[in-house]
Every structure is written in C-alpha cells, then in structure tokens.
N, C-alpha and C. Protein backbone atom coordinates (compact mmCIF):
# COMPACT_ATOMS: atom_id res chain seq x y z
N UNK A 1 -34.65 -1.40 -24.41
CA UNK A 1 -33.50 -2.24 -24.21
C UNK A 1 -32.32 -1.78 -25.06
N UNK A 2 -32.60 -1.35 -26.31
CA UNK A 2 -31.54 -0.88 -27.19
C UNK A 2 -30.91 0.40 -26.66
N UNK A 3 -31.72 1.24 -26.02
CA UNK A 3 -31.21 2.49 -25.47
C UNK A 3 -30.21 2.20 -24.36
N UNK A 4 -30.53 1.25 -23.50
CA UNK A 4 -29.62 0.88 -22.42
C UNK A 4 -28.32 0.31 -22.98
N UNK A 5 -28.42 -0.53 -24.00
CA UNK A 5 -27.23 -1.10 -24.63
C UNK A 5 -26.39 -0.01 -25.27
N UNK A 6 -27.05 0.91 -25.96
CA UNK A 6 -26.35 2.02 -26.60
C UNK A 6 -25.66 2.89 -25.56
N UNK A 7 -26.32 3.14 -24.46
CA UNK A 7 -25.74 3.94 -23.38
C UNK A 7 -24.53 3.22 -22.79
N UNK A 8 -24.64 1.92 -22.60
CA UNK A 8 -23.52 1.14 -22.07
C UNK A 8 -22.34 1.16 -23.04
N UNK A 9 -22.62 1.07 -24.34
CA UNK A 9 -21.55 1.12 -25.34
C UNK A 9 -20.86 2.47 -25.33
N UNK A 10 -21.63 3.53 -25.21
CA UNK A 10 -21.05 4.88 -25.17
C UNK A 10 -20.18 5.04 -23.92
N UNK A 11 -20.66 4.55 -22.79
CA UNK A 11 -19.87 4.63 -21.56
C UNK A 11 -18.57 3.83 -21.69
N UNK A 12 -18.66 2.66 -22.31
CA UNK A 12 -17.48 1.83 -22.50
C UNK A 12 -16.48 2.54 -23.41
N UNK A 13 -16.96 3.10 -24.51
CA UNK A 13 -16.09 3.81 -25.44
C UNK A 13 -15.45 5.04 -24.78
N UNK A 14 -16.22 5.73 -23.99
CA UNK A 14 -15.70 6.90 -23.27
C UNK A 14 -14.62 6.48 -22.28
N UNK A 15 -14.89 5.40 -21.56
CA UNK A 15 -13.91 4.88 -20.60
C UNK A 15 -12.62 4.48 -21.31
N UNK A 16 -12.73 3.75 -22.41
CA UNK A 16 -11.55 3.32 -23.16
C UNK A 16 -10.78 4.51 -23.73
N UNK A 17 -11.51 5.50 -24.24
CA UNK A 17 -10.86 6.70 -24.76
C UNK A 17 -10.09 7.41 -23.66
N UNK A 18 -10.73 7.61 -22.52
CA UNK A 18 -10.08 8.30 -21.40
C UNK A 18 -8.88 7.52 -20.89
N UNK A 19 -9.01 6.20 -20.84
CA UNK A 19 -7.90 5.37 -20.38
C UNK A 19 -6.73 5.46 -21.36
N UNK A 20 -7.01 5.37 -22.64
CA UNK A 20 -5.94 5.49 -23.64
C UNK A 20 -5.27 6.86 -23.60
N UNK A 21 -6.06 7.89 -23.38
CA UNK A 21 -5.51 9.24 -23.26
C UNK A 21 -4.59 9.33 -22.05
N UNK A 22 -5.03 8.77 -20.95
CA UNK A 22 -4.23 8.79 -19.73
C UNK A 22 -2.93 8.01 -19.92
N UNK A 23 -2.99 6.86 -20.57
CA UNK A 23 -1.80 6.06 -20.84
C UNK A 23 -0.82 6.85 -21.71
N UNK A 24 -1.34 7.52 -22.71
CA UNK A 24 -0.49 8.33 -23.59
C UNK A 24 0.20 9.45 -22.80
N UNK A 25 -0.55 10.12 -21.94
CA UNK A 25 0.03 11.19 -21.12
C UNK A 25 1.09 10.63 -20.18
N UNK A 26 0.82 9.47 -19.61
CA UNK A 26 1.78 8.87 -18.69
C UNK A 26 3.05 8.43 -19.43
N UNK A 27 2.90 7.90 -20.64
CA UNK A 27 4.07 7.54 -21.43
C UNK A 27 4.91 8.76 -21.76
N UNK A 28 4.26 9.87 -22.07
CA UNK A 28 4.98 11.12 -22.32
C UNK A 28 5.74 11.58 -21.08
N UNK A 29 5.11 11.44 -19.93
CA UNK A 29 5.76 11.81 -18.67
C UNK A 29 6.98 10.93 -18.42
N UNK A 30 6.87 9.65 -18.70
CA UNK A 30 7.99 8.72 -18.51
C UNK A 30 9.14 9.10 -19.43
N UNK A 31 8.85 9.38 -20.68
CA UNK A 31 9.90 9.80 -21.63
C UNK A 31 10.57 11.08 -21.16
N UNK A 32 9.78 12.01 -20.67
CA UNK A 32 10.32 13.28 -20.17
C UNK A 32 11.27 13.04 -19.00
N UNK A 33 10.87 12.16 -18.09
CA UNK A 33 11.71 11.87 -16.93
C UNK A 33 13.00 11.16 -17.35
N UNK A 34 12.92 10.26 -18.32
CA UNK A 34 14.11 9.57 -18.81
C UNK A 34 15.08 10.56 -19.45
N UNK A 35 14.57 11.50 -20.21
CA UNK A 35 15.42 12.53 -20.80
C UNK A 35 16.05 13.40 -19.72
N UNK A 36 15.28 13.70 -18.71
CA UNK A 36 15.77 14.52 -17.60
C UNK A 36 16.91 13.80 -16.87
N UNK A 37 16.79 12.49 -16.71
CA UNK A 37 17.84 11.73 -16.04
C UNK A 37 19.13 11.74 -16.86
N UNK A 38 19.02 11.69 -18.17
CA UNK A 38 20.22 11.78 -19.02
C UNK A 38 20.89 13.14 -18.82
N UNK A 39 20.09 14.18 -18.76
CA UNK A 39 20.63 15.53 -18.52
C UNK A 39 21.27 15.61 -17.15
N UNK A 40 20.65 14.97 -16.16
CA UNK A 40 21.20 14.97 -14.81
C UNK A 40 22.60 14.36 -14.80
N UNK A 41 22.79 13.25 -15.52
CA UNK A 41 24.11 12.62 -15.57
C UNK A 41 25.15 13.57 -16.17
N UNK A 42 24.78 14.27 -17.21
CA UNK A 42 25.69 15.23 -17.83
C UNK A 42 26.02 16.37 -16.88
N UNK A 43 25.01 16.87 -16.19
CA UNK A 43 25.22 17.97 -15.24
C UNK A 43 26.14 17.54 -14.12
N UNK A 44 25.92 16.34 -13.58
CA UNK A 44 26.76 15.84 -12.50
C UNK A 44 28.21 15.72 -12.97
N UNK A 45 28.40 15.18 -14.15
CA UNK A 45 29.75 15.03 -14.69
C UNK A 45 30.44 16.39 -14.85
N UNK A 46 29.72 17.36 -15.38
CA UNK A 46 30.29 18.69 -15.55
C UNK A 46 30.63 19.33 -14.20
N UNK A 47 29.74 19.20 -13.26
CA UNK A 47 29.98 19.80 -11.94
C UNK A 47 31.15 19.11 -11.23
N UNK A 48 31.29 17.81 -11.43
CA UNK A 48 32.43 17.10 -10.84
C UNK A 48 33.74 17.59 -11.45
N UNK A 49 33.71 17.87 -12.75
CA UNK A 49 34.89 18.42 -13.40
C UNK A 49 35.25 19.79 -12.84
N UNK A 50 34.24 20.60 -12.62
CA UNK A 50 34.46 21.92 -12.02
C UNK A 50 35.01 21.77 -10.62
N UNK A 51 34.47 20.83 -9.86
CA UNK A 51 34.95 20.59 -8.50
C UNK A 51 36.42 20.17 -8.52
N UNK A 52 36.78 19.29 -9.43
CA UNK A 52 38.17 18.84 -9.53
C UNK A 52 39.09 20.02 -9.85
N UNK A 53 38.67 20.86 -10.78
CA UNK A 53 39.46 22.04 -11.14
C UNK A 53 39.64 22.95 -9.93
N UNK A 54 38.58 23.13 -9.17
CA UNK A 54 38.66 23.98 -7.98
C UNK A 54 39.58 23.36 -6.93
N UNK A 55 39.56 22.04 -6.80
CA UNK A 55 40.47 21.37 -5.86
C UNK A 55 41.93 21.66 -6.23
N UNK A 56 42.24 21.58 -7.51
CA UNK A 56 43.60 21.88 -7.98
C UNK A 56 43.93 23.35 -7.72
N UNK A 57 42.97 24.23 -7.98
CA UNK A 57 43.20 25.65 -7.74
C UNK A 57 43.43 25.95 -6.27
N UNK A 58 42.71 25.23 -5.38
CA UNK A 58 42.92 25.43 -3.94
C UNK A 58 44.33 24.99 -3.57
N UNK A 59 44.76 23.86 -4.11
CA UNK A 59 46.12 23.38 -3.84
C UNK A 59 47.18 24.38 -4.32
N UNK A 60 46.89 25.05 -5.42
CA UNK A 60 47.83 26.03 -5.98
C UNK A 60 47.66 27.42 -5.37
N UNK A 61 46.65 27.59 -4.53
CA UNK A 61 46.45 28.86 -3.86
C UNK A 61 45.70 29.89 -4.68
N UNK A 62 45.08 29.49 -5.78
CA UNK A 62 44.35 30.46 -6.61
C UNK A 62 42.84 30.43 -6.37
N UNK A 63 42.41 29.59 -5.45
CA UNK A 63 40.99 29.53 -5.08
C UNK A 63 40.91 29.30 -3.57
N UNK A 64 39.78 29.65 -3.00
CA UNK A 64 39.59 29.49 -1.56
C UNK A 64 38.83 28.20 -1.27
N UNK A 65 38.88 27.81 -0.01
CA UNK A 65 38.11 26.63 0.39
C UNK A 65 36.61 26.91 0.27
N UNK A 66 36.23 28.16 0.39
CA UNK A 66 34.81 28.52 0.18
C UNK A 66 34.38 28.20 -1.25
N UNK A 67 35.28 28.47 -2.20
CA UNK A 67 34.99 28.13 -3.60
C UNK A 67 34.81 26.62 -3.75
N UNK A 68 35.67 25.87 -3.08
CA UNK A 68 35.60 24.41 -3.16
C UNK A 68 34.31 23.90 -2.52
N UNK A 69 33.96 24.44 -1.37
CA UNK A 69 32.72 24.03 -0.71
C UNK A 69 31.51 24.34 -1.58
N UNK A 70 31.52 25.50 -2.23
CA UNK A 70 30.43 25.86 -3.14
C UNK A 70 30.29 24.83 -4.26
N UNK A 71 31.43 24.41 -4.82
CA UNK A 71 31.39 23.44 -5.92
C UNK A 71 31.00 22.05 -5.44
N UNK A 72 31.44 21.67 -4.25
CA UNK A 72 31.03 20.38 -3.68
C UNK A 72 29.52 20.38 -3.45
N UNK A 73 29.00 21.48 -2.92
CA UNK A 73 27.55 21.59 -2.70
C UNK A 73 26.78 21.52 -4.02
N UNK A 74 27.34 22.11 -5.07
CA UNK A 74 26.69 22.06 -6.39
C UNK A 74 26.61 20.62 -6.90
N UNK A 75 27.68 19.85 -6.70
CA UNK A 75 27.67 18.44 -7.10
C UNK A 75 26.62 17.68 -6.30
N UNK A 76 26.61 17.91 -5.00
CA UNK A 76 25.64 17.23 -4.14
C UNK A 76 24.20 17.58 -4.51
N UNK A 77 23.95 18.85 -4.80
CA UNK A 77 22.61 19.28 -5.22
C UNK A 77 22.20 18.58 -6.52
N UNK A 78 23.15 18.47 -7.43
CA UNK A 78 22.86 17.80 -8.71
C UNK A 78 22.52 16.33 -8.49
N UNK A 79 23.23 15.69 -7.57
CA UNK A 79 22.96 14.28 -7.26
C UNK A 79 21.59 14.13 -6.60
N UNK A 80 21.24 15.06 -5.74
CA UNK A 80 19.91 15.03 -5.11
C UNK A 80 18.81 15.25 -6.14
N UNK A 81 19.06 16.16 -7.08
CA UNK A 81 18.09 16.39 -8.15
C UNK A 81 17.89 15.11 -8.96
N UNK A 82 18.99 14.41 -9.25
CA UNK A 82 18.88 13.16 -10.00
C UNK A 82 18.08 12.13 -9.21
N UNK A 83 18.35 12.01 -7.92
CA UNK A 83 17.61 11.06 -7.09
C UNK A 83 16.12 11.40 -7.07
N UNK A 84 15.81 12.67 -7.00
CA UNK A 84 14.40 13.10 -7.05
C UNK A 84 13.76 12.71 -8.37
N UNK A 85 14.49 12.93 -9.46
CA UNK A 85 13.96 12.59 -10.78
C UNK A 85 13.79 11.08 -10.94
N UNK A 86 14.69 10.29 -10.32
CA UNK A 86 14.55 8.83 -10.37
C UNK A 86 13.28 8.40 -9.65
N UNK A 87 13.01 9.03 -8.51
CA UNK A 87 11.79 8.69 -7.77
C UNK A 87 10.55 9.11 -8.55
N UNK A 88 10.62 10.25 -9.21
CA UNK A 88 9.49 10.69 -10.03
C UNK A 88 9.26 9.75 -11.21
N UNK A 89 10.35 9.22 -11.78
CA UNK A 89 10.21 8.25 -12.86
C UNK A 89 9.56 6.97 -12.35
N UNK A 90 10.01 6.49 -11.20
CA UNK A 90 9.39 5.29 -10.62
C UNK A 90 7.91 5.52 -10.35
N UNK A 91 7.58 6.68 -9.84
CA UNK A 91 6.18 7.00 -9.58
C UNK A 91 5.37 7.00 -10.88
N UNK A 92 5.93 7.58 -11.93
CA UNK A 92 5.24 7.60 -13.23
C UNK A 92 5.06 6.18 -13.77
N UNK A 93 6.08 5.33 -13.58
CA UNK A 93 5.97 3.94 -14.03
C UNK A 93 4.89 3.19 -13.26
N UNK A 94 4.85 3.39 -11.95
CA UNK A 94 3.82 2.74 -11.13
C UNK A 94 2.43 3.23 -11.51
N UNK A 95 2.30 4.52 -11.77
CA UNK A 95 1.01 5.07 -12.20
C UNK A 95 0.56 4.45 -13.51
N UNK A 96 1.49 4.28 -14.44
CA UNK A 96 1.16 3.66 -15.72
C UNK A 96 0.71 2.21 -15.51
N UNK A 97 1.45 1.48 -14.70
CA UNK A 97 1.07 0.09 -14.43
C UNK A 97 -0.31 0.02 -13.78
N UNK A 98 -0.59 0.94 -12.91
CA UNK A 98 -1.91 0.98 -12.27
C UNK A 98 -3.00 1.26 -13.30
N UNK A 99 -2.72 2.18 -14.21
CA UNK A 99 -3.71 2.54 -15.23
C UNK A 99 -4.02 1.37 -16.16
N UNK A 100 -2.98 0.62 -16.53
CA UNK A 100 -3.19 -0.50 -17.45
C UNK A 100 -3.43 -1.80 -16.70
N UNK A 101 -3.55 -1.70 -15.38
CA UNK A 101 -3.92 -2.83 -14.52
C UNK A 101 -2.90 -3.96 -14.58
N UNK A 102 -1.64 -3.61 -14.40
CA UNK A 102 -0.58 -4.63 -14.36
C UNK A 102 0.15 -4.58 -13.05
C-alpha cells in the first residue's frame, strides 16, 4: 500500500513540476511577444516617417512613385507583422490560461 502511495506522490510531484515548467515557458513567451509588439510600434512609426519623407520628395520631383509605393508597402508589411504578433500573443495567453485551468 505504501508503494502505491509513494508512486502516486511521485506522479503528482512530476505533474506539478512539468506544469510549473510549462507555465514558466509560457510566461517567457508572453513577455517576448509583448517586447516584440513594442518594437513593432517603433518600426511602424519609423516607416511612416520614411513614407512621409518620400511623399514630400515625390511632390518635389526628387523621388518616383515607385519609391513611394515601396515605402507604403513597407508600412503595410510592418502593420501586418504587428497584427500577426498580436495574434501570437493572444494564443500564448490562451495557452497559459489553459495550462493553469482558468
């Protein structure tokens, strides 16, 4: 009887250890995604500034519309990257809630 109890205790401890490890990994993933979103905001802002500069250059004749389209596409790509990272953050949050049963 003691062997069965000891085995059950070991299984419980192993389960709790693995669960805590998984929670820790998921928290790290969430922090990583939050940092990435901050970087995304900075990148979008910088690319929008570049786009604005190119718009002025097109008006002055020192840049082509192809240059402007390239910069507009870069802004749009950055926004899509941010949206992807937001979805990945939500997924990580849902995974954490599932792991801790909330």
